[in-house]
N, C-alpha and C. Protein backbone atom coordinates (compact mmCIF):
# COMPACT_ATOMS: atom_id res chain seq x y z
N MET A 1 16.77 4.78 3.15
CA MET A 1 17.62 4.91 1.98
C MET A 1 18.98 5.37 2.46
N SER A 2 19.98 4.57 2.35
CA SER A 2 21.28 4.87 2.91
C SER A 2 22.12 5.80 2.03
N ASP A 3 21.91 5.82 0.73
CA ASP A 3 22.69 6.64 -0.19
C ASP A 3 21.89 7.89 -0.57
N PRO A 4 22.27 9.07 -0.03
CA PRO A 4 21.50 10.29 -0.31
C PRO A 4 21.39 10.61 -1.79
N SER A 5 22.37 10.21 -2.59
CA SER A 5 22.31 10.49 -4.02
C SER A 5 21.18 9.72 -4.69
N ARG A 6 20.68 8.66 -4.05
CA ARG A 6 19.59 7.87 -4.62
C ARG A 6 18.23 8.54 -4.39
N ALA A 7 18.19 9.62 -3.60
CA ALA A 7 16.92 10.27 -3.25
C ALA A 7 16.17 10.78 -4.47
N ARG A 8 16.86 11.05 -5.56
CA ARG A 8 16.17 11.57 -6.75
C ARG A 8 15.64 10.47 -7.65
N TYR A 9 15.90 9.21 -7.32
CA TYR A 9 15.42 8.09 -8.11
C TYR A 9 14.04 7.66 -7.64
N PRO A 10 13.28 7.01 -8.53
CA PRO A 10 11.97 6.53 -8.09
C PRO A 10 12.11 5.46 -7.01
N VAL A 11 11.07 5.36 -6.22
CA VAL A 11 11.01 4.33 -5.19
C VAL A 11 9.65 3.64 -5.33
N PHE A 12 9.64 2.35 -5.08
CA PHE A 12 8.44 1.54 -5.24
C PHE A 12 8.02 0.98 -3.89
N ARG A 13 6.78 1.18 -3.55
CA ARG A 13 6.20 0.55 -2.36
C ARG A 13 5.46 -0.68 -2.87
N VAL A 14 5.93 -1.84 -2.45
CA VAL A 14 5.33 -3.11 -2.89
C VAL A 14 4.86 -3.86 -1.65
N ASP A 15 3.56 -4.06 -1.59
CA ASP A 15 2.96 -4.74 -0.44
C ASP A 15 2.22 -5.98 -0.94
N ARG A 16 2.47 -7.09 -0.25
CA ARG A 16 1.80 -8.36 -0.60
C ARG A 16 0.93 -8.77 0.57
N PHE A 17 -0.28 -9.21 0.25
CA PHE A 17 -1.23 -9.60 1.28
C PHE A 17 -1.83 -10.96 0.96
N ILE A 18 -2.03 -11.75 1.99
CA ILE A 18 -2.81 -12.98 1.88
C ILE A 18 -4.05 -12.74 2.72
N VAL A 19 -5.19 -12.77 2.03
CA VAL A 19 -6.45 -12.36 2.64
C VAL A 19 -7.40 -13.55 2.70
N PRO A 20 -7.91 -13.89 3.88
CA PRO A 20 -8.91 -14.95 3.94
C PRO A 20 -10.11 -14.59 3.06
N GLU A 21 -10.64 -15.57 2.38
CA GLU A 21 -11.76 -15.32 1.47
C GLU A 21 -12.92 -14.60 2.17
N SER A 22 -13.14 -14.93 3.42
CA SER A 22 -14.24 -14.31 4.17
C SER A 22 -14.01 -12.82 4.41
N ALA A 23 -12.78 -12.35 4.31
CA ALA A 23 -12.45 -10.95 4.55
C ALA A 23 -12.14 -10.18 3.26
N ALA A 24 -12.21 -10.86 2.13
CA ALA A 24 -11.78 -10.25 0.87
C ALA A 24 -12.56 -8.99 0.52
N GLU A 25 -13.86 -9.00 0.69
CA GLU A 25 -14.67 -7.83 0.32
C GLU A 25 -14.31 -6.61 1.17
N ALA A 26 -14.23 -6.77 2.47
CA ALA A 26 -13.88 -5.66 3.36
C ALA A 26 -12.46 -5.16 3.08
N PHE A 27 -11.55 -6.09 2.86
CA PHE A 27 -10.16 -5.72 2.60
C PHE A 27 -10.06 -4.93 1.29
N MET A 28 -10.71 -5.41 0.24
CA MET A 28 -10.62 -4.74 -1.05
C MET A 28 -11.29 -3.36 -1.01
N ARG A 29 -12.33 -3.19 -0.23
CA ARG A 29 -12.93 -1.86 -0.07
C ARG A 29 -11.90 -0.90 0.52
N ARG A 30 -11.15 -1.36 1.51
CA ARG A 30 -10.13 -0.50 2.14
C ARG A 30 -9.00 -0.22 1.16
N VAL A 31 -8.58 -1.22 0.41
CA VAL A 31 -7.52 -1.01 -0.58
C VAL A 31 -7.96 0.04 -1.59
N GLN A 32 -9.19 -0.03 -2.05
CA GLN A 32 -9.70 0.94 -3.01
C GLN A 32 -9.75 2.34 -2.39
N ARG A 33 -10.08 2.43 -1.12
CA ARG A 33 -10.09 3.72 -0.42
C ARG A 33 -8.68 4.31 -0.39
N ILE A 34 -7.72 3.49 -0.05
CA ILE A 34 -6.33 3.95 0.01
C ILE A 34 -5.86 4.36 -1.38
N GLN A 35 -6.20 3.57 -2.38
CA GLN A 35 -5.81 3.88 -3.75
C GLN A 35 -6.38 5.24 -4.16
N SER A 36 -7.62 5.54 -3.78
CA SER A 36 -8.23 6.83 -4.14
C SER A 36 -7.55 8.00 -3.42
N LEU A 37 -6.99 7.75 -2.24
CA LEU A 37 -6.25 8.79 -1.53
C LEU A 37 -4.90 9.08 -2.20
N ILE A 38 -4.25 8.02 -2.66
CA ILE A 38 -2.88 8.12 -3.17
C ILE A 38 -2.81 8.59 -4.62
N ASP A 39 -3.73 8.12 -5.46
CA ASP A 39 -3.67 8.42 -6.90
C ASP A 39 -3.43 9.88 -7.24
N PRO A 40 -4.15 10.82 -6.65
CA PRO A 40 -3.97 12.22 -7.08
C PRO A 40 -2.77 12.94 -6.45
N LEU A 41 -2.04 12.28 -5.58
CA LEU A 41 -0.96 12.97 -4.87
C LEU A 41 0.24 13.24 -5.78
N PRO A 42 0.91 14.37 -5.56
CA PRO A 42 2.10 14.70 -6.35
C PRO A 42 3.16 13.60 -6.23
N GLY A 43 3.74 13.24 -7.35
CA GLY A 43 4.82 12.26 -7.36
C GLY A 43 4.37 10.83 -7.52
N CYS A 44 3.06 10.57 -7.51
CA CYS A 44 2.56 9.20 -7.69
C CYS A 44 2.54 8.92 -9.19
N ARG A 45 3.46 8.07 -9.63
CA ARG A 45 3.55 7.75 -11.06
C ARG A 45 2.59 6.64 -11.46
N GLN A 46 2.45 5.65 -10.61
CA GLN A 46 1.49 4.59 -10.87
C GLN A 46 1.10 3.95 -9.55
N ASN A 47 -0.12 3.43 -9.53
CA ASN A 47 -0.68 2.86 -8.31
C ASN A 47 -1.50 1.65 -8.72
N LEU A 48 -0.90 0.49 -8.62
CA LEU A 48 -1.53 -0.73 -9.11
C LEU A 48 -2.01 -1.60 -7.96
N VAL A 49 -3.16 -2.22 -8.17
CA VAL A 49 -3.67 -3.24 -7.27
C VAL A 49 -3.89 -4.48 -8.12
N LEU A 50 -3.19 -5.55 -7.77
CA LEU A 50 -3.27 -6.79 -8.53
C LEU A 50 -3.76 -7.91 -7.63
N THR A 51 -4.56 -8.79 -8.19
CA THR A 51 -5.04 -9.93 -7.41
C THR A 51 -4.72 -11.21 -8.14
N GLN A 52 -4.61 -12.25 -7.36
CA GLN A 52 -4.35 -13.59 -7.90
C GLN A 52 -5.52 -14.46 -7.44
N ALA A 53 -5.90 -15.39 -8.29
CA ALA A 53 -7.04 -16.25 -7.99
C ALA A 53 -6.93 -16.83 -6.58
N ARG A 54 -8.08 -17.01 -6.00
CA ARG A 54 -8.13 -17.57 -4.65
C ARG A 54 -7.49 -18.96 -4.64
N ASP A 55 -6.75 -19.20 -3.60
CA ASP A 55 -6.07 -20.48 -3.43
C ASP A 55 -6.31 -20.93 -2.00
N ALA A 56 -6.93 -22.07 -1.85
CA ALA A 56 -7.17 -22.64 -0.51
C ALA A 56 -7.91 -21.64 0.39
N GLY A 57 -8.93 -20.98 -0.17
CA GLY A 57 -9.73 -20.07 0.64
C GLY A 57 -9.12 -18.71 0.89
N THR A 58 -8.14 -18.33 0.08
CA THR A 58 -7.50 -17.03 0.26
C THR A 58 -7.46 -16.26 -1.05
N LEU A 59 -7.32 -14.97 -0.92
CA LEU A 59 -7.09 -14.08 -2.05
C LEU A 59 -5.71 -13.48 -1.85
N ARG A 60 -4.92 -13.49 -2.88
CA ARG A 60 -3.61 -12.85 -2.82
C ARG A 60 -3.72 -11.49 -3.49
N VAL A 61 -3.24 -10.45 -2.80
CA VAL A 61 -3.32 -9.08 -3.31
C VAL A 61 -1.91 -8.49 -3.29
N LEU A 62 -1.57 -7.83 -4.38
CA LEU A 62 -0.28 -7.15 -4.49
C LEU A 62 -0.57 -5.70 -4.85
N THR A 63 -0.01 -4.78 -4.08
CA THR A 63 -0.13 -3.37 -4.43
C THR A 63 1.27 -2.85 -4.75
N VAL A 64 1.35 -2.08 -5.83
CA VAL A 64 2.62 -1.51 -6.27
C VAL A 64 2.39 -0.03 -6.54
N VAL A 65 3.10 0.80 -5.80
CA VAL A 65 3.00 2.25 -6.01
C VAL A 65 4.40 2.75 -6.35
N GLU A 66 4.50 3.39 -7.50
CA GLU A 66 5.76 4.00 -7.90
C GLU A 66 5.72 5.48 -7.57
N TRP A 67 6.70 5.91 -6.77
CA TRP A 67 6.82 7.32 -6.40
C TRP A 67 8.00 7.93 -7.14
N GLU A 68 7.81 9.15 -7.58
CA GLU A 68 8.85 9.87 -8.32
C GLU A 68 10.14 9.99 -7.50
N THR A 69 9.98 10.28 -6.20
CA THR A 69 11.12 10.43 -5.30
C THR A 69 10.74 9.94 -3.91
N THR A 70 11.74 9.76 -3.08
CA THR A 70 11.50 9.41 -1.69
C THR A 70 10.75 10.53 -0.98
N ALA A 71 11.05 11.78 -1.32
CA ALA A 71 10.37 12.91 -0.70
C ALA A 71 8.87 12.89 -1.02
N ALA A 72 8.52 12.56 -2.24
CA ALA A 72 7.10 12.47 -2.62
C ALA A 72 6.43 11.36 -1.83
N MET A 73 7.10 10.23 -1.68
CA MET A 73 6.54 9.12 -0.92
C MET A 73 6.37 9.50 0.55
N ASP A 74 7.36 10.17 1.11
CA ASP A 74 7.27 10.59 2.52
C ASP A 74 6.12 11.56 2.74
N ALA A 75 5.94 12.49 1.82
CA ALA A 75 4.83 13.45 1.93
C ALA A 75 3.49 12.72 1.83
N ALA A 76 3.40 11.76 0.94
CA ALA A 76 2.17 10.98 0.80
C ALA A 76 1.89 10.17 2.06
N ARG A 77 2.92 9.59 2.63
CA ARG A 77 2.76 8.81 3.86
C ARG A 77 2.19 9.69 4.98
N ALA A 78 2.74 10.90 5.12
CA ALA A 78 2.25 11.82 6.15
C ALA A 78 0.78 12.19 5.90
N TYR A 79 0.43 12.43 4.65
CA TYR A 79 -0.94 12.77 4.30
C TYR A 79 -1.89 11.61 4.63
N VAL A 80 -1.52 10.41 4.23
CA VAL A 80 -2.37 9.25 4.47
C VAL A 80 -2.51 9.00 5.97
N GLN A 81 -1.43 9.13 6.72
CA GLN A 81 -1.52 8.95 8.18
C GLN A 81 -2.46 9.98 8.80
N GLN A 82 -2.44 11.20 8.29
CA GLN A 82 -3.34 12.24 8.77
C GLN A 82 -4.80 11.85 8.47
N GLN A 83 -5.04 11.32 7.28
CA GLN A 83 -6.38 10.88 6.92
C GLN A 83 -6.84 9.74 7.82
N TYR A 84 -5.94 8.79 8.08
CA TYR A 84 -6.28 7.67 8.96
C TYR A 84 -6.65 8.17 10.35
N ALA A 85 -5.89 9.14 10.86
CA ALA A 85 -6.17 9.69 12.19
C ALA A 85 -7.55 10.34 12.22
N GLN A 86 -7.89 11.08 11.16
CA GLN A 86 -9.20 11.72 11.09
C GLN A 86 -10.33 10.69 11.03
N GLU A 87 -10.07 9.57 10.36
CA GLU A 87 -11.08 8.51 10.22
C GLU A 87 -11.10 7.56 11.42
N GLY A 88 -10.06 7.63 12.25
CA GLY A 88 -9.94 6.68 13.35
C GLY A 88 -9.59 5.29 12.86
N PHE A 89 -8.86 5.22 11.75
CA PHE A 89 -8.50 3.93 11.14
C PHE A 89 -7.12 3.50 11.61
N ASP A 90 -7.02 2.26 12.07
CA ASP A 90 -5.77 1.67 12.55
C ASP A 90 -5.43 0.48 11.64
N PRO A 91 -4.54 0.67 10.64
CA PRO A 91 -4.26 -0.40 9.69
C PRO A 91 -3.82 -1.73 10.33
N PRO A 92 -2.87 -1.73 11.29
CA PRO A 92 -2.49 -3.03 11.87
C PRO A 92 -3.66 -3.74 12.56
N ALA A 93 -4.49 -2.98 13.27
CA ALA A 93 -5.64 -3.59 13.95
C ALA A 93 -6.63 -4.13 12.92
N PHE A 94 -6.84 -3.39 11.85
CA PHE A 94 -7.75 -3.81 10.78
C PHE A 94 -7.30 -5.14 10.19
N MET A 95 -6.02 -5.23 9.88
CA MET A 95 -5.50 -6.47 9.28
C MET A 95 -5.54 -7.63 10.27
N ARG A 96 -5.24 -7.37 11.53
CA ARG A 96 -5.35 -8.44 12.54
C ARG A 96 -6.78 -8.93 12.64
N GLN A 97 -7.72 -8.00 12.69
CA GLN A 97 -9.12 -8.35 12.81
C GLN A 97 -9.59 -9.22 11.64
N LEU A 98 -9.10 -8.93 10.44
CA LEU A 98 -9.50 -9.69 9.26
C LEU A 98 -8.68 -10.96 9.06
N GLY A 99 -7.58 -11.09 9.79
CA GLY A 99 -6.71 -12.25 9.61
C GLY A 99 -5.84 -12.16 8.37
N VAL A 100 -5.49 -10.94 7.98
CA VAL A 100 -4.68 -10.69 6.78
C VAL A 100 -3.20 -10.79 7.13
N GLU A 101 -2.46 -11.52 6.30
CA GLU A 101 -0.99 -11.57 6.43
C GLU A 101 -0.41 -10.57 5.46
N ALA A 102 0.58 -9.80 5.91
CA ALA A 102 1.15 -8.74 5.07
C ALA A 102 2.67 -8.83 5.03
N ASP A 103 3.20 -8.53 3.85
CA ASP A 103 4.65 -8.42 3.65
C ASP A 103 4.83 -7.08 2.93
N LEU A 104 5.33 -6.06 3.64
CA LEU A 104 5.41 -4.70 3.14
C LEU A 104 6.85 -4.33 2.87
N GLY A 105 7.10 -3.61 1.76
CA GLY A 105 8.49 -3.26 1.49
C GLY A 105 8.66 -2.12 0.52
N LEU A 106 9.85 -1.54 0.57
CA LEU A 106 10.26 -0.48 -0.35
C LEU A 106 11.35 -1.04 -1.26
N TYR A 107 11.25 -0.69 -2.53
CA TYR A 107 12.20 -1.17 -3.53
C TYR A 107 12.64 -0.01 -4.40
N GLN A 108 13.87 -0.12 -4.91
CA GLN A 108 14.42 0.87 -5.84
C GLN A 108 14.91 0.15 -7.06
N PRO A 109 14.99 0.86 -8.20
CA PRO A 109 15.56 0.23 -9.39
C PRO A 109 16.99 -0.25 -9.10
N ALA A 110 17.33 -1.38 -9.61
CA ALA A 110 18.67 -1.95 -9.40
C ALA A 110 19.68 -1.30 -10.33
């Protein structure tokens, strides 16, 4: 975030995934696990998981998390990374193993 005055505005984490049908069940279990970690955290305004009908053997998944502030999002990121370390979970390796394509990004209100 280049403008410090924007730090008090909400920030949205929007991640898009293309998941092979054969990996959909395992992927969605992990998404639900992450959602359960994030939902109760301070500053989490909404945490949506959306799916689109399978197309050509794939499932499209969109996750949208609205954070009250960048600071709340940063604190949540640190907490989730700590949980991953305790579980021995490596998100990039998991997605590579399943053949999941990801487009991850942060967005702010225009």
